[in-house]
Amino acid sequence: MKTPIQKRYPPELAEKLEEIKIEIIERMENPDFDFMEVEEVFQEFGVEPDYIFEVLNEII
């Protein structure tokens, strides 16, 4: 079953956004997590942070 991200975006971008979502979830498990790290994750994956709210909406 496709996630909302996979339904809205082209496959290549959707795949990267899903990977970003997983990475953010893993980092959130760390008690020292700072939401400023979210933008860093996007940079690490080479994706513009324009999609931050799309990803966060799926996490929350």
C-alpha atoms as a PDB file:
ATOM      1  CA  MET A   1       0.000   0.000   0.000  1.00  0.00           C
ATOM      2  CA  LYS A   2       1.330   3.423  -0.891  1.00  0.00           C
ATOM      3  CA  THR A   3       1.856   6.083   1.727  1.00  0.00           C
ATOM      4  CA  PRO A   4       0.439   9.579   1.113  1.00  0.00           C
ATOM      5  CA  ILE A   5       3.917  10.759   0.114  1.00  0.00           C
ATOM      6  CA  GLN A   6       4.192   7.990  -2.473  1.00  0.00           C
ATOM      7  CA  LYS A   7       0.806   8.939  -3.894  1.00  0.00           C
ATOM      8  CA  ARG A   8       1.640  12.638  -4.293  1.00  0.00           C
ATOM      9  CA  TYR A   9       5.197  12.688  -5.582  1.00  0.00           C
ATOM     10  CA  PRO A  10       7.201  11.103  -8.390  1.00  0.00           C
ATOM     11  CA  PRO A  11       8.768   7.762  -7.390  1.00  0.00           C
ATOM     12  CA  GLU A  12      12.361   9.006  -7.036  1.00  0.00           C
ATOM     13  CA  LEU A  13      11.406  11.933  -4.788  1.00  0.00           C
ATOM     14  CA  ALA A  14       8.894   9.840  -2.842  1.00  0.00           C
ATOM     15  CA  GLU A  15      11.582   7.247  -2.131  1.00  0.00           C
ATOM     16  CA  LYS A  16      13.961   9.886  -0.774  1.00  0.00           C
ATOM     17  CA  LEU A  17      11.200  11.441   1.343  1.00  0.00           C
ATOM     18  CA  GLU A  18      10.362   8.023   2.800  1.00  0.00           C
ATOM     19  CA  GLU A  19      14.050   7.485   3.647  1.00  0.00           C
ATOM     20  CA  ILE A  20      14.149  10.923   5.266  1.00  0.00           C
ATOM     21  CA  LYS A  21      11.037  10.077   7.280  1.00  0.00           C
ATOM     22  CA  ILE A  22      12.661   6.874   8.569  1.00  0.00           C
ATOM     23  CA  GLU A  23      15.875   8.719   9.459  1.00  0.00           C
ATOM     24  CA  ILE A  24      13.959  11.418  11.354  1.00  0.00           C
ATOM     25  CA  ILE A  25      11.953   8.803  13.276  1.00  0.00           C
ATOM     26  CA  GLU A  26      15.185   7.047  14.262  1.00  0.00           C
ATOM     27  CA  ARG A  27      16.759  10.309  15.399  1.00  0.00           C
ATOM     28  CA  MET A  28      13.642  11.237  17.380  1.00  0.00           C
ATOM     29  CA  GLU A  29      14.227   8.169  19.539  1.00  0.00           C
ATOM     30  CA  ASN A  30      17.373   9.856  20.853  1.00  0.00           C
ATOM     31  CA  PRO A  31      16.579  11.900  23.988  1.00  0.00           C
ATOM     32  CA  ASP A  32      18.926  14.637  22.759  1.00  0.00           C
ATOM     33  CA  PHE A  33      16.996  15.060  19.494  1.00  0.00           C
ATOM     34  CA  ASP A  34      16.595  18.653  18.373  1.00  0.00           C
ATOM     35  CA  PHE A  35      14.074  19.517  15.661  1.00  0.00           C
ATOM     36  CA  MET A  36      16.762  21.626  14.001  1.00  0.00           C
ATOM     37  CA  GLU A  37      18.214  18.271  12.902  1.00  0.00           C
ATOM     38  CA  VAL A  38      15.286  17.805  10.534  1.00  0.00           C
ATOM     39  CA  GLU A  39      16.695  20.312   8.055  1.00  0.00           C
ATOM     40  CA  GLU A  40      20.096  18.626   8.341  1.00  0.00           C
ATOM     41  CA  VAL A  41      18.550  15.296   7.355  1.00  0.00           C
ATOM     42  CA  PHE A  42      17.109  16.860   4.218  1.00  0.00           C
ATOM     43  CA  GLN A  43      20.532  18.279   3.370  1.00  0.00           C
ATOM     44  CA  GLU A  44      22.171  14.887   3.919  1.00  0.00           C
ATOM     45  CA  PHE A  45      19.762  13.341   1.411  1.00  0.00           C
ATOM     46  CA  GLY A  46      20.177  16.204  -1.052  1.00  0.00           C
ATOM     47  CA  VAL A  47      16.504  17.190  -0.919  1.00  0.00           C
ATOM     48  CA  GLU A  48      15.275  20.768  -0.614  1.00  0.00           C
ATOM     49  CA  PRO A  49      13.624  21.369   2.767  1.00  0.00           C
ATOM     50  CA  ASP A  50      10.431  22.468   0.983  1.00  0.00           C
ATOM     51  CA  TYR A  51       8.964  19.088   1.912  1.00  0.00           C
ATOM     52  CA  ILE A  52       9.625  19.265   5.668  1.00  0.00           C
ATOM     53  CA  PHE A  53       5.969  19.663   6.612  1.00  0.00           C
ATOM     54  CA  GLU A  54       4.874  16.839   4.302  1.00  0.00           C
ATOM     55  CA  VAL A  55       7.271  14.461   6.049  1.00  0.00           C
ATOM     56  CA  LEU A  56       6.527  15.709   9.565  1.00  0.00           C
ATOM     57  CA  ASN A  57       2.768  15.385   8.965  1.00  0.00           C
ATOM     58  CA  GLU A  58       3.244  11.696   8.242  1.00  0.00           C
ATOM     59  CA  ILE A  59       5.329  11.194  11.368  1.00  0.00           C
ATOM     60  CA  ILE A  60       2.991  12.962  13.768  1.00  0.00           C
END
